[in-house]
Amino acid sequence: MNSPWVFDEEKFIYRELGGEYVILNLNTEHYYSFDEVGSFVFSLMLRGKTISEIEDAVLQKYKTANEKMVKKDVRNFIRQLQTKEIICAIK
């Protein structure tokens, strides 16, 4: 399966630390860290999952989550990664 996302490996590096991801911008030395849910979403993106697959996985893992809120939050998180140019969607 081809990934619908591209992680910019020339500008960023990432590491998983204790189940959470940390990303460093190599140009600005600014770093980003994700909480448990953000790290889960990011890990699914790295494995090439689509937005729908990610939303379903989050709902499955966090069974008490509100479906409408999960969809909104996942899409906002992905949009933020795209805005910061950490990832981009493959057209």
PDB file of N, CA and C in Angstrom:
ATOM      1  N   MET A   1       0.845  -1.178   0.000  1.00  0.00           N
ATOM      2  CA  MET A   1       0.000   0.000   0.000  1.00  0.00           C
ATOM      3  C   MET A   1       0.885   1.235   0.000  1.00  0.00           C
ATOM      4  N   ASN A   2       0.610   2.186  -0.852  1.00  0.00           N
ATOM      5  CA  ASN A   2       1.325   3.452  -0.877  1.00  0.00           C
ATOM      6  C   ASN A   2       0.749   4.376   0.179  1.00  0.00           C
ATOM      7  N   SER A   3       1.614   5.116   0.824  1.00  0.00           N
ATOM      8  CA  SER A   3       1.180   6.039   1.860  1.00  0.00           C
ATOM      9  C   SER A   3       0.538   7.273   1.237  1.00  0.00           C
ATOM     10  N   PRO A   4      -0.557   7.758   1.840  1.00  0.00           N
ATOM     11  CA  PRO A   4      -1.149   9.005   1.355  1.00  0.00           C
ATOM     12  C   PRO A   4      -0.427  10.237   1.898  1.00  0.00           C
ATOM     13  N   TRP A   5       0.651  10.026   2.679  1.00  0.00           N
ATOM     14  CA  TRP A   5       1.382  11.108   3.326  1.00  0.00           C
ATOM     15  C   TRP A   5       2.871  11.026   3.015  1.00  0.00           C
ATOM     16  N   VAL A   6       3.520  12.179   2.978  1.00  0.00           N
ATOM     17  CA  VAL A   6       4.965  12.243   2.850  1.00  0.00           C
ATOM     18  C   VAL A   6       5.482  13.032   4.048  1.00  0.00           C
ATOM     19  N   PHE A   7       6.405  12.433   4.791  1.00  0.00           N
ATOM     20  CA  PHE A   7       7.078  13.099   5.898  1.00  0.00           C
ATOM     21  C   PHE A   7       8.344  13.730   5.335  1.00  0.00           C
ATOM     22  N   ASP A   8       8.547  15.024   5.583  1.00  0.00           N
ATOM     23  CA  ASP A   8       9.695  15.741   5.027  1.00  0.00           C
ATOM     24  C   ASP A   8      10.964  15.399   5.817  1.00  0.00           C
ATOM     25  N   GLU A   9      11.663  14.365   5.369  1.00  0.00           N
ATOM     26  CA  GLU A   9      12.863  13.878   6.065  1.00  0.00           C
ATOM     27  C   GLU A   9      14.074  14.785   5.884  1.00  0.00           C
ATOM     28  N   GLU A  10      13.987  15.746   4.973  1.00  0.00           N
ATOM     29  CA  GLU A  10      15.096  16.672   4.797  1.00  0.00           C
ATOM     30  C   GLU A  10      15.053  17.797   5.822  1.00  0.00           C
ATOM     31  N   LYS A  11      13.850  18.143   6.285  1.00  0.00           N
ATOM     32  CA  LYS A  11      13.693  19.239   7.247  1.00  0.00           C
ATOM     33  C   LYS A  11      13.415  18.771   8.669  1.00  0.00           C
ATOM     34  N   PHE A  12      12.964  17.537   8.836  1.00  0.00           N
ATOM     35  CA  PHE A  12      12.530  17.069  10.147  1.00  0.00           C
ATOM     36  C   PHE A  12      13.070  15.674  10.454  1.00  0.00           C
ATOM     37  N   ILE A  13      13.269  15.419  11.741  1.00  0.00           N
ATOM     38  CA  ILE A  13      13.507  14.058  12.207  1.00  0.00           C
ATOM     39  C   ILE A  13      12.502  13.790  13.324  1.00  0.00           C
ATOM     40  N   TYR A  14      12.189  12.536  13.524  1.00  0.00           N
ATOM     41  CA  TYR A  14      11.277  12.198  14.607  1.00  0.00           C
ATOM     42  C   TYR A  14      11.815  10.995  15.364  1.00  0.00           C
ATOM     43  N   ARG A  15      11.416  10.926  16.617  1.00  0.00           N
ATOM     44  CA  ARG A  15      11.761   9.804  17.479  1.00  0.00           C
ATOM     45  C   ARG A  15      10.566   9.493  18.359  1.00  0.00           C
ATOM     46  N   GLU A  16      10.414   8.213  18.639  1.00  0.00           N
ATOM     47  CA  GLU A  16       9.398   7.798  19.599  1.00  0.00           C
ATOM     48  C   GLU A  16      10.088   7.643  20.949  1.00  0.00           C
ATOM     49  N   LEU A  17       9.587   8.337  21.940  1.00  0.00           N
ATOM     50  CA  LEU A  17      10.159   8.307  23.278  1.00  0.00           C
ATOM     51  C   LEU A  17       9.049   7.976  24.268  1.00  0.00           C
ATOM     52  N   GLY A  18       9.121   6.809  24.855  1.00  0.00           N
ATOM     53  CA  GLY A  18       8.121   6.433  25.851  1.00  0.00           C
ATOM     54  C   GLY A  18       6.712   6.388  25.315  1.00  0.00           C
ATOM     55  N   GLY A  19       6.555   5.994  24.058  1.00  0.00           N
ATOM     56  CA  GLY A  19       5.225   5.890  23.472  1.00  0.00           C
ATOM     57  C   GLY A  19       4.695   7.180  22.883  1.00  0.00           C
ATOM     58  N   GLU A  20       5.476   8.257  22.962  1.00  0.00           N
ATOM     59  CA  GLU A  20       5.060   9.528  22.376  1.00  0.00           C
ATOM     60  C   GLU A  20       6.127  10.005  21.393  1.00  0.00           C
ATOM     61  N   TYR A  21       5.685  10.721  20.365  1.00  0.00           N
ATOM     62  CA  TYR A  21       6.603  11.185  19.327  1.00  0.00           C
ATOM     63  C   TYR A  21       7.077  12.607  19.594  1.00  0.00           C
ATOM     64  N   VAL A  22       8.342  12.834  19.255  1.00  0.00           N
ATOM     65  CA  VAL A  22       8.952  14.159  19.282  1.00  0.00           C
ATOM     66  C   VAL A  22       9.512  14.393  17.886  1.00  0.00           C
ATOM     67  N   ILE A  23       9.254  15.573  17.352  1.00  0.00           N
ATOM     68  CA  ILE A  23       9.720  15.923  16.009  1.00  0.00           C
ATOM     69  C   ILE A  23      10.577  17.178  16.115  1.00  0.00           C
ATOM     70  N   LEU A  24      11.729  17.157  15.453  1.00  0.00           N
ATOM     71  CA  LEU A  24      12.643  18.295  15.456  1.00  0.00           C
ATOM     72  C   LEU A  24      12.772  18.853  14.048  1.00  0.00           C
ATOM     73  N   ASN A  25      12.566  20.170  13.928  1.00  0.00           N
ATOM     74  CA  ASN A  25      12.812  20.862  12.671  1.00  0.00           C
ATOM     75  C   ASN A  25      14.306  21.135  12.609  1.00  0.00           C
ATOM     76  N   LEU A  26      14.987  20.542  11.648  1.00  0.00           N
ATOM     77  CA  LEU A  26      16.443  20.657  11.540  1.00  0.00           C
ATOM     78  C   LEU A  26      16.903  22.057  11.155  1.00  0.00           C
ATOM     79  N   ASN A  27      16.028  22.823  10.507  1.00  0.00           N
ATOM     80  CA  ASN A  27      16.399  24.179  10.094  1.00  0.00           C
ATOM     81  C   ASN A  27      16.246  25.184  11.227  1.00  0.00           C
ATOM     82  N   THR A  28      15.171  25.079  11.975  1.00  0.00           N
ATOM     83  CA  THR A  28      14.885  26.074  13.018  1.00  0.00           C
ATOM     84  C   THR A  28      15.221  25.582  14.420  1.00  0.00           C
ATOM     85  N   GLU A  29      15.475  24.285  14.565  1.00  0.00           N
ATOM     86  CA  GLU A  29      15.711  23.629  15.846  1.00  0.00           C
ATOM     87  C   GLU A  29      14.486  23.693  16.764  1.00  0.00           C
ATOM     88  N   HIS A  30      13.330  23.999  16.192  1.00  0.00           N
ATOM     89  CA  HIS A  30      12.070  23.973  16.948  1.00  0.00           C
ATOM     90  C   HIS A  30      11.599  22.530  17.020  1.00  0.00           C
ATOM     91  N   TYR A  31      11.078  22.135  18.178  1.00  0.00           N
ATOM     92  CA  TYR A  31      10.596  20.769  18.280  1.00  0.00           C
ATOM     93  C   TYR A  31       9.129  20.728  18.665  1.00  0.00           C
ATOM     94  N   TYR A  32       8.496  19.651  18.294  1.00  0.00           N
ATOM     95  CA  TYR A  32       7.086  19.412  18.558  1.00  0.00           C
ATOM     96  C   TYR A  32       6.984  18.083  19.296  1.00  0.00           C
ATOM     97  N   SER A  33       6.119  18.039  20.273  1.00  0.00           N
ATOM     98  CA  SER A  33       5.872  16.769  20.950  1.00  0.00           C
ATOM     99  C   SER A  33       4.368  16.531  20.949  1.00  0.00           C
ATOM    100  N   PHE A  34       4.000  15.276  20.837  1.00  0.00           N
ATOM    101  CA  PHE A  34       2.591  14.906  20.773  1.00  0.00           C
ATOM    102  C   PHE A  34       2.199  14.135  22.014  1.00  0.00           C
ATOM    103  N   ASP A  35       0.967  14.334  22.440  1.00  0.00           N
ATOM    104  CA  ASP A  35       0.448  13.541  23.543  1.00  0.00           C
ATOM    105  C   ASP A  35       0.123  12.135  23.039  1.00  0.00           C
ATOM    106  N   GLU A  36      -0.475  11.333  23.875  1.00  0.00           N
ATOM    107  CA  GLU A  36      -0.757   9.934  23.518  1.00  0.00           C
ATOM    108  C   GLU A  36      -1.603   9.808  22.257  1.00  0.00           C
ATOM    109  N   VAL A  37      -2.655  10.600  22.166  1.00  0.00           N
ATOM    110  CA  VAL A  37      -3.550  10.494  21.000  1.00  0.00           C
ATOM    111  C   VAL A  37      -2.858  11.013  19.751  1.00  0.00           C
ATOM    112  N   GLY A  38      -2.186  12.153  19.851  1.00  0.00           N
ATOM    113  CA  GLY A  38      -1.457  12.694  18.701  1.00  0.00           C
ATOM    114  C   GLY A  38      -0.384  11.735  18.218  1.00  0.00           C
ATOM    115  N   SER A  39       0.289  11.095  19.156  1.00  0.00           N
ATOM    116  CA  SER A  39       1.322  10.114  18.799  1.00  0.00           C
ATOM    117  C   SER A  39       0.711   8.904  18.103  1.00  0.00           C
ATOM    118  N   PHE A  40      -0.458   8.485  18.579  1.00  0.00           N
ATOM    119  CA  PHE A  40      -1.152   7.365  17.944  1.00  0.00           C
ATOM    120  C   PHE A  40      -1.530   7.722  16.508  1.00  0.00           C
ATOM    121  N   VAL A  41      -2.075   8.913  16.323  1.00  0.00           N
ATOM    122  CA  VAL A  41      -2.458   9.370  14.972  1.00  0.00           C
ATOM    123  C   VAL A  41      -1.219   9.463  14.084  1.00  0.00           C
ATOM    124  N   PHE A  42      -0.141  10.059  14.585  1.00  0.00           N
ATOM    125  CA  PHE A  42       1.083  10.207  13.799  1.00  0.00           C
ATOM    126  C   PHE A  42       1.645   8.839  13.410  1.00  0.00           C
ATOM    127  N   SER A  43       1.612   7.887  14.333  1.00  0.00           N
ATOM    128  CA  SER A  43       2.123   6.541  14.026  1.00  0.00           C
ATOM    129  C   SER A  43       1.307   5.888  12.920  1.00  0.00           C
ATOM    130  N   LEU A  44       0.013   6.127  12.910  1.00  0.00           N
ATOM    131  CA  LEU A  44      -0.846   5.576  11.848  1.00  0.00           C
ATOM    132  C   LEU A  44      -0.539   6.244  10.509  1.00  0.00           C
ATOM    133  N   MET A  45      -0.250   7.536  10.553  1.00  0.00           N
ATOM    134  CA  MET A  45       0.120   8.238   9.316  1.00  0.00           C
ATOM    135  C   MET A  45       1.417   7.680   8.763  1.00  0.00           C
ATOM    136  N   LEU A  46       2.379   7.412   9.656  1.00  0.00           N
ATOM    137  CA  LEU A  46       3.658   6.849   9.209  1.00  0.00           C
ATOM    138  C   LEU A  46       3.477   5.475   8.577  1.00  0.00           C
ATOM    139  N   ARG A  47       2.431   4.768   8.988  1.00  0.00           N
ATOM    140  CA  ARG A  47       2.153   3.447   8.420  1.00  0.00           C
ATOM    141  C   ARG A  47       1.270   3.522   7.176  1.00  0.00           C
ATOM    142  N   GLY A  48       0.987   4.746   6.713  1.00  0.00           N
ATOM    143  CA  GLY A  48       0.278   4.908   5.451  1.00  0.00           C
ATOM    144  C   GLY A  48      -1.234   4.835   5.532  1.00  0.00           C
ATOM    145  N   LYS A  49      -1.790   5.018   6.719  1.00  0.00           N
ATOM    146  CA  LYS A  49      -3.250   4.950   6.870  1.00  0.00           C
ATOM    147  C   LYS A  49      -3.906   6.213   6.334  1.00  0.00           C
ATOM    148  N   THR A  50      -5.098   6.058   5.784  1.00  0.00           N
ATOM    149  CA  THR A  50      -5.875   7.196   5.288  1.00  0.00           C
ATOM    150  C   THR A  50      -6.571   7.886   6.459  1.00  0.00           C
ATOM    151  N   ILE A  51      -7.135   9.048   6.200  1.00  0.00           N
ATOM    152  CA  ILE A  51      -7.861   9.771   7.253  1.00  0.00           C
ATOM    153  C   ILE A  51      -8.986   8.913   7.813  1.00  0.00           C
ATOM    154  N   SER A  52      -9.751   8.269   6.952  1.00  0.00           N
ATOM    155  CA  SER A  52     -10.863   7.418   7.420  1.00  0.00           C
ATOM    156  C   SER A  52     -10.355   6.263   8.273  1.00  0.00           C
ATOM    157  N   GLU A  53      -9.259   5.645   7.870  1.00  0.00           N
ATOM    158  CA  GLU A  53      -8.686   4.548   8.649  1.00  0.00           C
ATOM    159  C   GLU A  53      -8.183   5.042  10.005  1.00  0.00           C
ATOM    160  N   ILE A  54      -7.610   6.230  10.023  1.00  0.00           N
ATOM    161  CA  ILE A  54      -7.122   6.809  11.274  1.00  0.00           C
ATOM    162  C   ILE A  54      -8.293   7.112  12.205  1.00  0.00           C
ATOM    163  N   GLU A  55      -9.330   7.720  11.665  1.00  0.00           N
ATOM    164  CA  GLU A  55     -10.513   8.028  12.480  1.00  0.00           C
ATOM    165  C   GLU A  55     -11.102   6.751  13.077  1.00  0.00           C
ATOM    166  N   ASP A  56     -11.222   5.726  12.262  1.00  0.00           N
ATOM    167  CA  ASP A  56     -11.768   4.444  12.746  1.00  0.00           C
ATOM    168  C   ASP A  56     -10.886   3.842  13.837  1.00  0.00           C
ATOM    169  N   ALA A  57      -9.571   3.921  13.660  1.00  0.00           N
ATOM    170  CA  ALA A  57      -8.649   3.358  14.645  1.00  0.00           C
ATOM    171  C   ALA A  57      -8.723   4.112  15.971  1.00  0.00           C
ATOM    172  N   VAL A  58      -8.848   5.428  15.908  1.00  0.00           N
ATOM    173  CA  VAL A  58      -8.969   6.228  17.134  1.00  0.00           C
ATOM    174  C   VAL A  58     -10.267   5.885  17.850  1.00  0.00           C
ATOM    175  N   LEU A  59     -11.350   5.775  17.100  1.00  0.00           N
ATOM    176  CA  LEU A  59     -12.637   5.407  17.713  1.00  0.00           C
ATOM    177  C   LEU A  59     -12.578   4.014  18.319  1.00  0.00           C
ATOM    178  N   GLN A  60     -11.881   3.105  17.672  1.00  0.00           N
ATOM    179  CA  GLN A  60     -11.745   1.743  18.187  1.00  0.00           C
ATOM    180  C   GLN A  60     -10.914   1.711  19.471  1.00  0.00           C
ATOM    181  N   LYS A  61      -9.819   2.466  19.477  1.00  0.00           N
ATOM    182  CA  LYS A  61      -8.921   2.462  20.638  1.00  0.00           C
ATOM    183  C   LYS A  61      -9.534   3.200  21.830  1.00  0.00           C
ATOM    184  N   TYR A  62     -10.173   4.319  21.557  1.00  0.00           N
ATOM    185  CA  TYR A  62     -10.763   5.142  22.617  1.00  0.00           C
ATOM    186  C   TYR A  62     -12.282   5.037  22.509  1.00  0.00           C
ATOM    187  N   LYS A  63     -12.809   3.959  22.975  1.00  0.00           N
ATOM    188  CA  LYS A  63     -14.221   3.605  22.767  1.00  0.00           C
ATOM    189  C   LYS A  63     -15.208   4.622  23.319  1.00  0.00           C
ATOM    190  N   THR A  64     -14.794   5.434  24.269  1.00  0.00           N
ATOM    191  CA  THR A  64     -15.702   6.426  24.832  1.00  0.00           C
ATOM    192  C   THR A  64     -15.717   7.722  24.028  1.00  0.00           C
ATOM    193  N   ALA A  65     -14.907   7.795  22.998  1.00  0.00           N
ATOM    194  CA  ALA A  65     -14.782   9.019  22.212  1.00  0.00           C
ATOM    195  C   ALA A  65     -16.042   9.286  21.391  1.00  0.00           C
ATOM    196  N   ASN A  66     -16.319  10.560  21.221  1.00  0.00           N
ATOM    197  CA  ASN A  66     -17.436  11.019  20.403  1.00  0.00           C
ATOM    198  C   ASN A  66     -16.990  11.023  18.937  1.00  0.00           C
ATOM    199  N   GLU A  67     -17.723  10.343  18.079  1.00  0.00           N
ATOM    200  CA  GLU A  67     -17.312  10.185  16.675  1.00  0.00           C
ATOM    201  C   GLU A  67     -17.135  11.522  15.967  1.00  0.00           C
ATOM    202  N   LYS A  68     -18.058  12.428  16.161  1.00  0.00           N
ATOM    203  CA  LYS A  68     -17.976  13.729  15.491  1.00  0.00           C
ATOM    204  C   LYS A  68     -16.741  14.499  15.963  1.00  0.00           C
ATOM    205  N   MET A  69     -16.463  14.438  17.262  1.00  0.00           N
ATOM    206  CA  MET A  69     -15.303  15.138  17.823  1.00  0.00           C
ATOM    207  C   MET A  69     -14.003  14.497  17.339  1.00  0.00           C
ATOM    208  N   VAL A  70     -13.965  13.163  17.276  1.00  0.00           N
ATOM    209  CA  VAL A  70     -12.766  12.474  16.796  1.00  0.00           C
ATOM    210  C   VAL A  70     -12.444  12.902  15.368  1.00  0.00           C
ATOM    211  N   LYS A  71     -13.455  12.902  14.506  1.00  0.00           N
ATOM    212  CA  LYS A  71     -13.225  13.286  13.104  1.00  0.00           C
ATOM    213  C   LYS A  71     -12.700  14.717  13.018  1.00  0.00           C
ATOM    214  N   LYS A  72     -13.295  15.618  13.791  1.00  0.00           N
ATOM    215  CA  LYS A  72     -12.852  17.014  13.792  1.00  0.00           C
ATOM    216  C   LYS A  72     -11.420  17.120  14.298  1.00  0.00           C
ATOM    217  N   ASP A  73     -11.121  16.450  15.416  1.00  0.00           N
ATOM    218  CA  ASP A  73      -9.788  16.534  16.008  1.00  0.00           C
ATOM    219  C   ASP A  73      -8.709  15.917  15.127  1.00  0.00           C
ATOM    220  N   VAL A  74      -8.990  14.768  14.524  1.00  0.00           N
ATOM    221  CA  VAL A  74      -8.016  14.117  13.640  1.00  0.00           C
ATOM    222  C   VAL A  74      -7.713  15.021  12.449  1.00  0.00           C
ATOM    223  N   ARG A  75      -8.742  15.564  11.845  1.00  0.00           N
ATOM    224  CA  ARG A  75      -8.534  16.428  10.675  1.00  0.00           C
ATOM    225  C   ARG A  75      -7.785  17.704  11.054  1.00  0.00           C
ATOM    226  N   ASN A  76      -8.089  18.277  12.221  1.00  0.00           N
ATOM    227  CA  ASN A  76      -7.362  19.468  12.682  1.00  0.00           C
ATOM    228  C   ASN A  76      -5.895  19.157  12.940  1.00  0.00           C
ATOM    229  N   PHE A  77      -5.624  18.008  13.550  1.00  0.00           N
ATOM    230  CA  PHE A  77      -4.247  17.598  13.823  1.00  0.00           C
ATOM    231  C   PHE A  77      -3.466  17.437  12.517  1.00  0.00           C
ATOM    232  N   ILE A  78      -4.051  16.769  11.553  1.00  0.00           N
ATOM    233  CA  ILE A  78      -3.395  16.568  10.260  1.00  0.00           C
ATOM    234  C   ILE A  78      -3.187  17.903   9.560  1.00  0.00           C
ATOM    235  N   ARG A  79      -4.172  18.785   9.627  1.00  0.00           N
ATOM    236  CA  ARG A  79      -4.049  20.109   9.016  1.00  0.00           C
ATOM    237  C   ARG A  79      -2.891  20.887   9.654  1.00  0.00           C
ATOM    238  N   GLN A  80      -2.731  20.773  10.975  1.00  0.00           N
ATOM    239  CA  GLN A  80      -1.625  21.458  11.643  1.00  0.00           C
ATOM    240  C   GLN A  80      -0.273  20.913  11.173  1.00  0.00           C
ATOM    241  N   LEU A  81      -0.173  19.598  11.012  1.00  0.00           N
ATOM    242  CA  LEU A  81       1.074  19.011  10.509  1.00  0.00           C
ATOM    243  C   LEU A  81       1.374  19.504   9.096  1.00  0.00           C
ATOM    244  N   GLN A  82       0.329  19.650   8.287  1.00  0.00           N
ATOM    245  CA  GLN A  82       0.520  20.149   6.926  1.00  0.00           C
ATOM    246  C   GLN A  82       0.908  21.622   6.935  1.00  0.00           C
ATOM    247  N   THR A  83       0.294  22.412   7.802  1.00  0.00           N
ATOM    248  CA  THR A  83       0.607  23.838   7.899  1.00  0.00           C
ATOM    249  C   THR A  83       2.057  24.051   8.301  1.00  0.00           C
ATOM    250  N   LYS A  84       2.551  23.221   9.199  1.00  0.00           N
ATOM    251  CA  LYS A  84       3.945  23.315   9.650  1.00  0.00           C
ATOM    252  C   LYS A  84       4.898  22.621   8.671  1.00  0.00           C
ATOM    253  N   GLU A  85       4.336  22.065   7.585  1.00  0.00           N
ATOM    254  CA  GLU A  85       5.078  21.374   6.530  1.00  0.00           C
ATOM    255  C   GLU A  85       5.825  20.141   7.043  1.00  0.00           C
ATOM    256  N   ILE A  86       5.327  19.538   8.124  1.00  0.00           N
ATOM    257  CA  ILE A  86       5.909  18.311   8.639  1.00  0.00           C
ATOM    258  C   ILE A  86       5.533  17.153   7.727  1.00  0.00           C
ATOM    259  N   ILE A  87       4.309  17.169   7.276  1.00  0.00           N
ATOM    260  CA  ILE A  87       3.841  16.173   6.313  1.00  0.00           C
ATOM    261  C   ILE A  87       3.101  16.899   5.191  1.00  0.00           C
ATOM    262  N   CYS A  88       2.969  16.224   4.068  1.00  0.00           N
ATOM    263  CA  CYS A  88       2.089  16.710   3.014  1.00  0.00           C
ATOM    264  C   CYS A  88       1.350  15.528   2.433  1.00  0.00           C
ATOM    265  N   ALA A  89       0.160  15.799   1.957  1.00  0.00           N
ATOM    266  CA  ALA A  89      -0.660  14.753   1.368  1.00  0.00           C
ATOM    267  C   ALA A  89      -0.206  14.516  -0.058  1.00  0.00           C
ATOM    268  N   ILE A  90      -0.220  13.262  -0.453  1.00  0.00           N
ATOM    269  CA  ILE A  90       0.086  12.915  -1.836  1.00  0.00           C
ATOM    270  C   ILE A  90      -1.208  13.053  -2.615  1.00  0.00           C
ATOM    271  N   LYS A  91      -1.152  13.744  -3.680  1.00  0.00           N
ATOM    272  CA  LYS A  91      -2.367  13.982  -4.485  1.00  0.00           C
ATOM    273  C   LYS A  91      -2.695  12.771  -5.306  1.00  0.00           C
TER     274      LYS A  91
END
